[in-house]
Amino acid sequence: MKSLLLWFILLLGIISAFLANNLQSGEKSDEYVLENVDALQAIAIANQWKWSNKEIKSSVNSREVVFQFPGGKVKKIPLPEGKMVVALAPYIKGTHT
């Protein structure tokens, strides 16, 4: 179980680094970046965008990854059937920021 979690974290890190490089190297629109990505890639993009202070809000529910763009446009990327995402929020001074 521990090794599976470590592999997942490593994979997420690699995907995040790859996507960050692609996002910086091109001048593609934010919406275009989300074309033809799977849910795991969408989560990595959401994490990258969170730290780059983009004005795009993202969330994950039981069925999809949801992106809300300035101006009201929404892009949804479905999670695979039979899979779920578990988010861990560290408790230091509170549960969420």
PDB file of N, CA and C in Angstrom:
ATOM      1  N   MET A   1       0.832  -1.193   0.000  1.00  0.00           N
ATOM      2  CA  MET A   1       0.000   0.000   0.000  1.00  0.00           C
ATOM      3  C   MET A   1       0.873   1.252   0.000  1.00  0.00           C
ATOM      4  N   LYS A   2       1.926   1.233   0.830  1.00  0.00           N
ATOM      5  CA  LYS A   2       2.818   2.386   0.896  1.00  0.00           C
ATOM      6  C   LYS A   2       3.540   2.602  -0.424  1.00  0.00           C
ATOM      7  N   SER A   3       3.990   1.515  -1.039  1.00  0.00           N
ATOM      8  CA  SER A   3       4.710   1.652  -2.300  1.00  0.00           C
ATOM      9  C   SER A   3       3.765   2.140  -3.407  1.00  0.00           C
ATOM     10  N   LEU A   4       2.514   1.736  -3.377  1.00  0.00           N
ATOM     11  CA  LEU A   4       1.546   2.207  -4.355  1.00  0.00           C
ATOM     12  C   LEU A   4       1.336   3.719  -4.213  1.00  0.00           C
ATOM     13  N   LEU A   5       1.240   4.195  -2.990  1.00  0.00           N
ATOM     14  CA  LEU A   5       1.090   5.625  -2.742  1.00  0.00           C
ATOM     15  C   LEU A   5       2.323   6.384  -3.214  1.00  0.00           C
ATOM     16  N   LEU A   6       3.501   5.854  -2.970  1.00  0.00           N
ATOM     17  CA  LEU A   6       4.727   6.508  -3.420  1.00  0.00           C
ATOM     18  C   LEU A   6       4.796   6.563  -4.944  1.00  0.00           C
ATOM     19  N   TRP A   7       4.394   5.484  -5.611  1.00  0.00           N
ATOM     20  CA  TRP A   7       4.375   5.473  -7.077  1.00  0.00           C
ATOM     21  C   TRP A   7       3.379   6.496  -7.606  1.00  0.00           C
ATOM     22  N   PHE A   8       2.235   6.588  -6.962  1.00  0.00           N
ATOM     23  CA  PHE A   8       1.224   7.560  -7.382  1.00  0.00           C
ATOM     24  C   PHE A   8       1.747   8.981  -7.234  1.00  0.00           C
ATOM     25  N   ILE A   9       2.383   9.283  -6.114  1.00  0.00           N
ATOM     26  CA  ILE A   9       2.941  10.614  -5.888  1.00  0.00           C
ATOM     27  C   ILE A   9       4.040  10.909  -6.896  1.00  0.00           C
ATOM     28  N   LEU A  10       4.888   9.931  -7.174  1.00  0.00           N
ATOM     29  CA  LEU A  10       5.951  10.103  -8.160  1.00  0.00           C
ATOM     30  C   LEU A  10       5.359  10.366  -9.546  1.00  0.00           C
ATOM     31  N   LEU A  11       4.363   9.596  -9.919  1.00  0.00           N
ATOM     32  CA  LEU A  11       3.709   9.779 -11.210  1.00  0.00           C
ATOM     33  C   LEU A  11       3.071  11.162 -11.309  1.00  0.00           C
ATOM     34  N   LEU A  12       2.409  11.591 -10.259  1.00  0.00           N
ATOM     35  CA  LEU A  12       1.784  12.908 -10.242  1.00  0.00           C
ATOM     36  C   LEU A  12       2.834  14.007 -10.373  1.00  0.00           C
ATOM     37  N   GLY A  13       3.982  13.832  -9.721  1.00  0.00           N
ATOM     38  CA  GLY A  13       5.063  14.804  -9.830  1.00  0.00           C
ATOM     39  C   GLY A  13       5.624  14.882 -11.237  1.00  0.00           C
ATOM     40  N   ILE A  14       5.812  13.736 -11.868  1.00  0.00           N
ATOM     41  CA  ILE A  14       6.334  13.705 -13.242  1.00  0.00           C
ATOM     42  C   ILE A  14       5.357  14.364 -14.197  1.00  0.00           C
ATOM     43  N   ILE A  15       4.088  14.041 -14.054  1.00  0.00           N
ATOM     44  CA  ILE A  15       3.074  14.643 -14.915  1.00  0.00           C
ATOM     45  C   ILE A  15       3.021  16.153 -14.694  1.00  0.00           C
ATOM     46  N   SER A  16       3.088  16.589 -13.437  1.00  0.00           N
ATOM     47  CA  SER A  16       3.064  18.022 -13.145  1.00  0.00           C
ATOM     48  C   SER A  16       4.240  18.736 -13.782  1.00  0.00           C
ATOM     49  N   ALA A  17       5.428  18.149 -13.668  1.00  0.00           N
ATOM     50  CA  ALA A  17       6.620  18.764 -14.258  1.00  0.00           C
ATOM     51  C   ALA A  17       6.492  18.820 -15.777  1.00  0.00           C
ATOM     52  N   PHE A  18       6.027  17.748 -16.379  1.00  0.00           N
ATOM     53  CA  PHE A  18       5.846  17.708 -17.833  1.00  0.00           C
ATOM     54  C   PHE A  18       4.844  18.765 -18.284  1.00  0.00           C
ATOM     55  N   LEU A  19       3.719  18.850 -17.586  1.00  0.00           N
ATOM     56  CA  LEU A  19       2.702  19.818 -17.963  1.00  0.00           C
ATOM     57  C   LEU A  19       3.167  21.247 -17.722  1.00  0.00           C
ATOM     58  N   ALA A  20       3.900  21.476 -16.638  1.00  0.00           N
ATOM     59  CA  ALA A  20       4.407  22.819 -16.370  1.00  0.00           C
ATOM     60  C   ALA A  20       5.346  23.258 -17.484  1.00  0.00           C
ATOM     61  N   ASN A  21       6.185  22.349 -17.942  1.00  0.00           N
ATOM     62  CA  ASN A  21       7.099  22.662 -19.041  1.00  0.00           C
ATOM     63  C   ASN A  21       6.317  22.980 -20.312  1.00  0.00           C
ATOM     64  N   ASN A  22       5.301  22.190 -20.609  1.00  0.00           N
ATOM     65  CA  ASN A  22       4.488  22.433 -21.804  1.00  0.00           C
ATOM     66  C   ASN A  22       3.711  23.740 -21.709  1.00  0.00           C
ATOM     67  N   LEU A  23       3.230  24.051 -20.529  1.00  0.00           N
ATOM     68  CA  LEU A  23       2.471  25.282 -20.359  1.00  0.00           C
ATOM     69  C   LEU A  23       3.357  26.507 -20.544  1.00  0.00           C
ATOM     70  N   GLN A  24       4.608  26.416 -20.117  1.00  0.00           N
ATOM     71  CA  GLN A  24       5.509  27.556 -20.220  1.00  0.00           C
ATOM     72  C   GLN A  24       6.082  27.693 -21.620  1.00  0.00           C
ATOM     73  N   SER A  25       6.219  26.599 -22.342  1.00  0.00           N
ATOM     74  CA  SER A  25       6.888  26.651 -23.638  1.00  0.00           C
ATOM     75  C   SER A  25       5.989  27.125 -24.777  1.00  0.00           C
ATOM     76  N   GLY A  26       4.696  27.064 -24.597  1.00  0.00           N
ATOM     77  CA  GLY A  26       3.798  27.445 -25.681  1.00  0.00           C
ATOM     78  C   GLY A  26       2.900  28.580 -25.263  1.00  0.00           C
ATOM     79  N   GLU A  27       2.208  29.126 -26.229  1.00  0.00           N
ATOM     80  CA  GLU A  27       1.286  30.202 -25.938  1.00  0.00           C
ATOM     81  C   GLU A  27      -0.137  29.732 -26.184  1.00  0.00           C
ATOM     82  N   LYS A  28      -0.423  28.512 -25.821  1.00  0.00           N
ATOM     83  CA  LYS A  28      -1.753  27.952 -26.011  1.00  0.00           C
ATOM     84  C   LYS A  28      -2.689  28.498 -24.938  1.00  0.00           C
ATOM     85  N   SER A  29      -3.957  28.612 -25.275  1.00  0.00           N
ATOM     86  CA  SER A  29      -4.931  29.089 -24.296  1.00  0.00           C
ATOM     87  C   SER A  29      -5.109  28.047 -23.201  1.00  0.00           C
ATOM     88  N   ASP A  30      -5.566  28.519 -22.063  1.00  0.00           N
ATOM     89  CA  ASP A  30      -5.780  27.616 -20.936  1.00  0.00           C
ATOM     90  C   ASP A  30      -6.806  26.543 -21.279  1.00  0.00           C
ATOM     91  N   GLU A  31      -7.834  26.914 -21.997  1.00  0.00           N
ATOM     92  CA  GLU A  31      -8.855  25.938 -22.380  1.00  0.00           C
ATOM     93  C   GLU A  31      -8.286  24.895 -23.339  1.00  0.00           C
ATOM     94  N   TYR A  32      -7.418  25.306 -24.236  1.00  0.00           N
ATOM     95  CA  TYR A  32      -6.815  24.378 -25.192  1.00  0.00           C
ATOM     96  C   TYR A  32      -5.957  23.341 -24.480  1.00  0.00           C
ATOM     97  N   VAL A  33      -5.289  23.760 -23.414  1.00  0.00           N
ATOM     98  CA  VAL A  33      -4.426  22.847 -22.660  1.00  0.00           C
ATOM     99  C   VAL A  33      -5.234  21.669 -22.110  1.00  0.00           C
ATOM    100  N   LEU A  34      -6.500  21.886 -21.841  1.00  0.00           N
ATOM    101  CA  LEU A  34      -7.343  20.832 -21.264  1.00  0.00           C
ATOM    102  C   LEU A  34      -7.950  19.893 -22.293  1.00  0.00           C
ATOM    103  N   GLU A  35      -7.719  20.147 -23.568  1.00  0.00           N
ATOM    104  CA  GLU A  35      -8.241  19.258 -24.599  1.00  0.00           C
ATOM    105  C   GLU A  35      -7.479  17.932 -24.589  1.00  0.00           C
ATOM    106  N   ASN A  36      -8.198  16.840 -24.674  1.00  0.00           N
ATOM    107  CA  ASN A  36      -7.623  15.489 -24.776  1.00  0.00           C
ATOM    108  C   ASN A  36      -6.722  15.106 -23.604  1.00  0.00           C
ATOM    109  N   VAL A  37      -7.059  15.562 -22.395  1.00  0.00           N
ATOM    110  CA  VAL A  37      -6.334  15.109 -21.209  1.00  0.00           C
ATOM    111  C   VAL A  37      -7.247  14.207 -20.397  1.00  0.00           C
ATOM    112  N   ASP A  38      -6.646  13.289 -19.657  1.00  0.00           N
ATOM    113  CA  ASP A  38      -7.449  12.435 -18.785  1.00  0.00           C
ATOM    114  C   ASP A  38      -7.571  13.096 -17.410  1.00  0.00           C
ATOM    115  N   ALA A  39      -8.285  12.453 -16.508  1.00  0.00           N
ATOM    116  CA  ALA A  39      -8.560  13.038 -15.201  1.00  0.00           C
ATOM    117  C   ALA A  39      -7.285  13.263 -14.392  1.00  0.00           C
ATOM    118  N   LEU A  40      -6.343  12.328 -14.422  1.00  0.00           N
ATOM    119  CA  LEU A  40      -5.100  12.472 -13.668  1.00  0.00           C
ATOM    120  C   LEU A  40      -4.292  13.661 -14.190  1.00  0.00           C
ATOM    121  N   GLN A  41      -4.242  13.818 -15.490  1.00  0.00           N
ATOM    122  CA  GLN A  41      -3.549  14.965 -16.074  1.00  0.00           C
ATOM    123  C   GLN A  41      -4.274  16.264 -15.722  1.00  0.00           C
ATOM    124  N   ALA A  42      -5.598  16.231 -15.713  1.00  0.00           N
ATOM    125  CA  ALA A  42      -6.378  17.426 -15.365  1.00  0.00           C
ATOM    126  C   ALA A  42      -6.112  17.845 -13.924  1.00  0.00           C
ATOM    127  N   ILE A  43      -5.988  16.889 -13.019  1.00  0.00           N
ATOM    128  CA  ILE A  43      -5.688  17.203 -11.621  1.00  0.00           C
ATOM    129  C   ILE A  43      -4.297  17.817 -11.510  1.00  0.00           C
ATOM    130  N   ALA A  44      -3.345  17.290 -12.254  1.00  0.00           N
ATOM    131  CA  ALA A  44      -1.987  17.851 -12.248  1.00  0.00           C
ATOM    132  C   ALA A  44      -2.007  19.284 -12.785  1.00  0.00           C
ATOM    133  N   ILE A  45      -2.774  19.543 -13.827  1.00  0.00           N
ATOM    134  CA  ILE A  45      -2.888  20.894 -14.369  1.00  0.00           C
ATOM    135  C   ILE A  45      -3.529  21.818 -13.328  1.00  0.00           C
ATOM    136  N   ALA A  46      -4.575  21.352 -12.684  1.00  0.00           N
ATOM    137  CA  ALA A  46      -5.244  22.160 -11.654  1.00  0.00           C
ATOM    138  C   ALA A  46      -4.270  22.528 -10.540  1.00  0.00           C
ATOM    139  N   ASN A  47      -3.453  21.571 -10.112  1.00  0.00           N
ATOM    140  CA  ASN A  47      -2.464  21.859  -9.068  1.00  0.00           C
ATOM    141  C   ASN A  47      -1.441  22.878  -9.553  1.00  0.00           C
ATOM    142  N   GLN A  48      -0.994  22.742 -10.773  1.00  0.00           N
ATOM    143  CA  GLN A  48      -0.024  23.689 -11.331  1.00  0.00           C
ATOM    144  C   GLN A  48      -0.634  25.089 -11.418  1.00  0.00           C
ATOM    145  N   TRP A  49      -1.844  25.177 -11.900  1.00  0.00           N
ATOM    146  CA  TRP A  49      -2.502  26.474 -12.039  1.00  0.00           C
ATOM    147  C   TRP A  49      -2.755  27.115 -10.682  1.00  0.00           C
ATOM    148  N   LYS A  50      -3.029  26.291  -9.668  1.00  0.00           N
ATOM    149  CA  LYS A  50      -3.262  26.844  -8.330  1.00  0.00           C
ATOM    150  C   LYS A  50      -2.036  27.606  -7.854  1.00  0.00           C
ATOM    151  N   TRP A  51      -0.856  27.046  -8.061  1.00  0.00           N
ATOM    152  CA  TRP A  51       0.371  27.674  -7.571  1.00  0.00           C
ATOM    153  C   TRP A  51       0.853  28.787  -8.480  1.00  0.00           C
ATOM    154  N   SER A  52       0.355  28.866  -9.697  1.00  0.00           N
ATOM    155  CA  SER A  52       0.757  29.956 -10.591  1.00  0.00           C
ATOM    156  C   SER A  52      -0.222  31.132 -10.504  1.00  0.00           C
ATOM    157  N   ASN A  53      -1.154  31.054  -9.554  1.00  0.00           N
ATOM    158  CA  ASN A  53      -2.110  32.129  -9.279  1.00  0.00           C
ATOM    159  C   ASN A  53      -2.971  32.511 -10.476  1.00  0.00           C
ATOM    160  N   LYS A  54      -3.310  31.546 -11.285  1.00  0.00           N
ATOM    161  CA  LYS A  54      -4.248  31.819 -12.378  1.00  0.00           C
ATOM    162  C   LYS A  54      -5.633  32.062 -11.781  1.00  0.00           C
ATOM    163  N   GLU A  55      -6.455  32.764 -12.513  1.00  0.00           N
ATOM    164  CA  GLU A  55      -7.807  33.079 -12.043  1.00  0.00           C
ATOM    165  C   GLU A  55      -8.799  31.991 -12.431  1.00  0.00           C
ATOM    166  N   ILE A  56      -8.312  30.777 -12.541  1.00  0.00           N
ATOM    167  CA  ILE A  56      -9.153  29.641 -12.907  1.00  0.00           C
ATOM    168  C   ILE A  56      -9.398  28.820 -11.649  1.00  0.00           C
ATOM    169  N   LYS A  57     -10.649  28.589 -11.340  1.00  0.00           N
ATOM    170  CA  LYS A  57     -10.992  27.776 -10.172  1.00  0.00           C
ATOM    171  C   LYS A  57     -11.164  26.331 -10.626  1.00  0.00           C
ATOM    172  N   SER A  58     -10.732  25.411  -9.780  1.00  0.00           N
ATOM    173  CA  SER A  58     -10.893  23.996 -10.115  1.00  0.00           C
ATOM    174  C   SER A  58     -11.363  23.234  -8.890  1.00  0.00           C
ATOM    175  N   SER A  59     -12.056  22.138  -9.160  1.00  0.00           N
ATOM    176  CA  SER A  59     -12.532  21.271  -8.090  1.00  0.00           C
ATOM    177  C   SER A  59     -12.704  19.864  -8.648  1.00  0.00           C
ATOM    178  N   VAL A  60     -12.808  18.908  -7.735  1.00  0.00           N
ATOM    179  CA  VAL A  60     -13.045  17.516  -8.119  1.00  0.00           C
ATOM    180  C   VAL A  60     -14.254  17.039  -7.329  1.00  0.00           C
ATOM    181  N   ASN A  61     -15.186  16.430  -8.015  1.00  0.00           N
ATOM    182  CA  ASN A  61     -16.307  15.813  -7.316  1.00  0.00           C
ATOM    183  C   ASN A  61     -16.285  14.315  -7.594  1.00  0.00           C
ATOM    184  N   SER A  62     -17.332  13.627  -7.279  1.00  0.00           N
ATOM    185  CA  SER A  62     -17.330  12.167  -7.420  1.00  0.00           C
ATOM    186  C   SER A  62     -17.338  11.696  -8.872  1.00  0.00           C
ATOM    187  N   ARG A  63     -17.599  12.600  -9.817  1.00  0.00           N
ATOM    188  CA  ARG A  63     -17.688  12.198 -11.222  1.00  0.00           C
ATOM    189  C   ARG A  63     -16.712  12.870 -12.172  1.00  0.00           C
ATOM    190  N   GLU A  64     -16.171  14.058 -11.773  1.00  0.00           N
ATOM    191  CA  GLU A  64     -15.384  14.813 -12.744  1.00  0.00           C
ATOM    192  C   GLU A  64     -14.472  15.847 -12.102  1.00  0.00           C
ATOM    193  N   VAL A  65     -13.527  16.304 -12.890  1.00  0.00           N
ATOM    194  CA  VAL A  65     -12.686  17.442 -12.535  1.00  0.00           C
ATOM    195  C   VAL A  65     -13.318  18.639 -13.237  1.00  0.00           C
ATOM    196  N   VAL A  66     -13.575  19.702 -12.491  1.00  0.00           N
ATOM    197  CA  VAL A  66     -14.299  20.857 -13.024  1.00  0.00           C
ATOM    198  C   VAL A  66     -13.396  22.090 -12.991  1.00  0.00           C
ATOM    199  N   PHE A  67     -13.311  22.775 -14.126  1.00  0.00           N
ATOM    200  CA  PHE A  67     -12.563  24.028 -14.232  1.00  0.00           C
ATOM    201  C   PHE A  67     -13.552  25.147 -14.534  1.00  0.00           C
ATOM    202  N   GLN A  68     -13.448  26.253 -13.785  1.00  0.00           N
ATOM    203  CA  GLN A  68     -14.291  27.421 -14.020  1.00  0.00           C
ATOM    204  C   GLN A  68     -13.379  28.573 -14.440  1.00  0.00           C
ATOM    205  N   PHE A  69     -13.567  29.037 -15.669  1.00  0.00           N
ATOM    206  CA  PHE A  69     -12.739  30.102 -16.233  1.00  0.00           C
ATOM    207  C   PHE A  69     -13.366  31.462 -15.960  1.00  0.00           C
ATOM    208  N   PRO A  70     -12.530  32.505 -15.932  1.00  0.00           N
ATOM    209  CA  PRO A  70     -13.097  33.853 -15.826  1.00  0.00           C
ATOM    210  C   PRO A  70     -14.064  34.069 -16.996  1.00  0.00           C
ATOM    211  N   GLY A  71     -15.167  34.683 -16.715  1.00  0.00           N
ATOM    212  CA  GLY A  71     -16.168  34.876 -17.765  1.00  0.00           C
ATOM    213  C   GLY A  71     -17.276  33.841 -17.690  1.00  0.00           C
ATOM    214  N   GLY A  72     -17.098  32.825 -16.850  1.00  0.00           N
ATOM    215  CA  GLY A  72     -18.163  31.864 -16.627  1.00  0.00           C
ATOM    216  C   GLY A  72     -18.086  30.547 -17.378  1.00  0.00           C
ATOM    217  N   LYS A  73     -17.157  30.385 -18.318  1.00  0.00           N
ATOM    218  CA  LYS A  73     -17.067  29.122 -19.050  1.00  0.00           C
ATOM    219  C   LYS A  73     -16.607  28.009 -18.112  1.00  0.00           C
ATOM    220  N   VAL A  74     -17.195  26.830 -18.274  1.00  0.00           N
ATOM    221  CA  VAL A  74     -16.870  25.671 -17.434  1.00  0.00           C
ATOM    222  C   VAL A  74     -16.406  24.521 -18.323  1.00  0.00           C
ATOM    223  N   LYS A  75     -15.344  23.859 -17.918  1.00  0.00           N
ATOM    224  CA  LYS A  75     -14.835  22.662 -18.621  1.00  0.00           C
ATOM    225  C   LYS A  75     -14.826  21.521 -17.612  1.00  0.00           C
ATOM    226  N   LYS A  76     -15.419  20.375 -17.990  1.00  0.00           N
ATOM    227  CA  LYS A  76     -15.492  19.206 -17.109  1.00  0.00           C
ATOM    228  C   LYS A  76     -14.767  18.045 -17.757  1.00  0.00           C
ATOM    229  N   ILE A  77     -13.948  17.361 -16.956  1.00  0.00           N
ATOM    230  CA  ILE A  77     -13.218  16.185 -17.432  1.00  0.00           C
ATOM    231  C   ILE A  77     -13.635  15.011 -16.554  1.00  0.00           C
ATOM    232  N   PRO A  78     -14.264  13.998 -17.137  1.00  0.00           N
ATOM    233  CA  PRO A  78     -14.801  12.895 -16.332  1.00  0.00           C
ATOM    234  C   PRO A  78     -13.715  12.022 -15.711  1.00  0.00           C
ATOM    235  N   LEU A  79     -14.019  11.547 -14.515  1.00  0.00           N
ATOM    236  CA  LEU A  79     -13.155  10.547 -13.876  1.00  0.00           C
ATOM    237  C   LEU A  79     -13.460   9.190 -14.496  1.00  0.00           C
ATOM    238  N   PRO A  80     -12.490   8.292 -14.519  1.00  0.00           N
ATOM    239  CA  PRO A  80     -12.749   6.958 -15.073  1.00  0.00           C
ATOM    240  C   PRO A  80     -13.769   6.195 -14.232  1.00  0.00           C
ATOM    241  N   GLU A  81     -14.542   5.359 -14.885  1.00  0.00           N
ATOM    242  CA  GLU A  81     -15.509   4.511 -14.176  1.00  0.00           C
ATOM    243  C   GLU A  81     -14.773   3.626 -13.172  1.00  0.00           C
ATOM    244  N   GLY A  82     -15.348   3.482 -12.008  1.00  0.00           N
ATOM    245  CA  GLY A  82     -14.778   2.592 -11.006  1.00  0.00           C
ATOM    246  C   GLY A  82     -13.552   3.145 -10.296  1.00  0.00           C
ATOM    247  N   LYS A  83     -13.214   4.397 -10.527  1.00  0.00           N
ATOM    248  CA  LYS A  83     -12.061   5.027  -9.868  1.00  0.00           C
ATOM    249  C   LYS A  83     -12.553   6.225  -9.074  1.00  0.00           C
ATOM    250  N   MET A  84     -11.771   6.604  -8.074  1.00  0.00           N
ATOM    251  CA  MET A  84     -12.105   7.792  -7.317  1.00  0.00           C
ATOM    252  C   MET A  84     -10.827   8.512  -6.933  1.00  0.00           C
ATOM    253  N   VAL A  85     -10.973   9.748  -6.526  1.00  0.00           N
ATOM    254  CA  VAL A  85      -9.847  10.567  -6.114  1.00  0.00           C
ATOM    255  C   VAL A  85     -10.019  10.857  -4.635  1.00  0.00           C
ATOM    256  N   VAL A  86      -8.953  10.693  -3.883  1.00  0.00           N
ATOM    257  CA  VAL A  86      -8.968  11.019  -2.463  1.00  0.00           C
ATOM    258  C   VAL A  86      -7.999  12.175  -2.252  1.00  0.00           C
ATOM    259  N   ALA A  87      -8.502  13.270  -1.700  1.00  0.00           N
ATOM    260  CA  ALA A  87      -7.664  14.435  -1.429  1.00  0.00           C
ATOM    261  C   ALA A  87      -7.369  14.490   0.065  1.00  0.00           C
ATOM    262  N   LEU A  88      -6.122  14.733   0.387  1.00  0.00           N
ATOM    263  CA  LEU A  88      -5.708  14.852   1.776  1.00  0.00           C
ATOM    264  C   LEU A  88      -5.366  16.307   2.068  1.00  0.00           C
ATOM    265  N   ALA A  89      -5.965  16.842   3.100  1.00  0.00           N
ATOM    266  CA  ALA A  89      -5.671  18.217   3.503  1.00  0.00           C
ATOM    267  C   ALA A  89      -4.910  18.160   4.829  1.00  0.00           C
ATOM    268  N   PRO A  90      -3.668  18.603   4.825  1.00  0.00           N
ATOM    269  CA  PRO A  90      -2.904  18.553   6.069  1.00  0.00           C
ATOM    270  C   PRO A  90      -3.481  19.505   7.110  1.00  0.00           C
ATOM    271  N   TYR A  91      -3.499  19.069   8.343  1.00  0.00           N
ATOM    272  CA  TYR A  91      -4.031  19.879   9.423  1.00  0.00           C
ATOM    273  C   TYR A  91      -2.850  20.464  10.182  1.00  0.00           C
ATOM    274  N   ILE A  92      -2.589  21.744   9.960  1.00  0.00           N
ATOM    275  CA  ILE A  92      -1.533  22.427  10.710  1.00  0.00           C
ATOM    276  C   ILE A  92      -2.181  23.502  11.582  1.00  0.00           C
ATOM    277  N   LYS A  93      -2.807  24.467  10.931  1.00  0.00           N
ATOM    278  CA  LYS A  93      -3.514  25.514  11.660  1.00  0.00           C
ATOM    279  C   LYS A  93      -5.012  25.480  11.347  1.00  0.00           C
ATOM    280  N   GLY A  94      -5.376  24.724  10.372  1.00  0.00           N
ATOM    281  CA  GLY A  94      -6.763  24.602   9.954  1.00  0.00           C
ATOM    282  C   GLY A  94      -6.847  23.496   8.924  1.00  0.00           C
ATOM    283  N   THR A  95      -8.046  23.188   8.484  1.00  0.00           N
ATOM    284  CA  THR A  95      -8.168  22.080   7.532  1.00  0.00           C
ATOM    285  C   THR A  95      -7.982  22.505   6.101  1.00  0.00           C
ATOM    286  N   HIS A  96      -8.325  23.755   5.744  1.00  0.00           N
ATOM    287  CA  HIS A  96      -8.188  24.214   4.367  1.00  0.00           C
ATOM    288  C   HIS A  96      -7.789  25.681   4.352  1.00  0.00           C
ATOM    289  N   THR A  97      -7.252  26.109   3.223  1.00  0.00           N
ATOM    290  CA  THR A  97      -6.918  27.539   3.099  1.00  0.00           C
ATOM    291  C   THR A  97      -7.917  28.227   2.223  1.00  0.00           C
TER     292      THR A  97
END
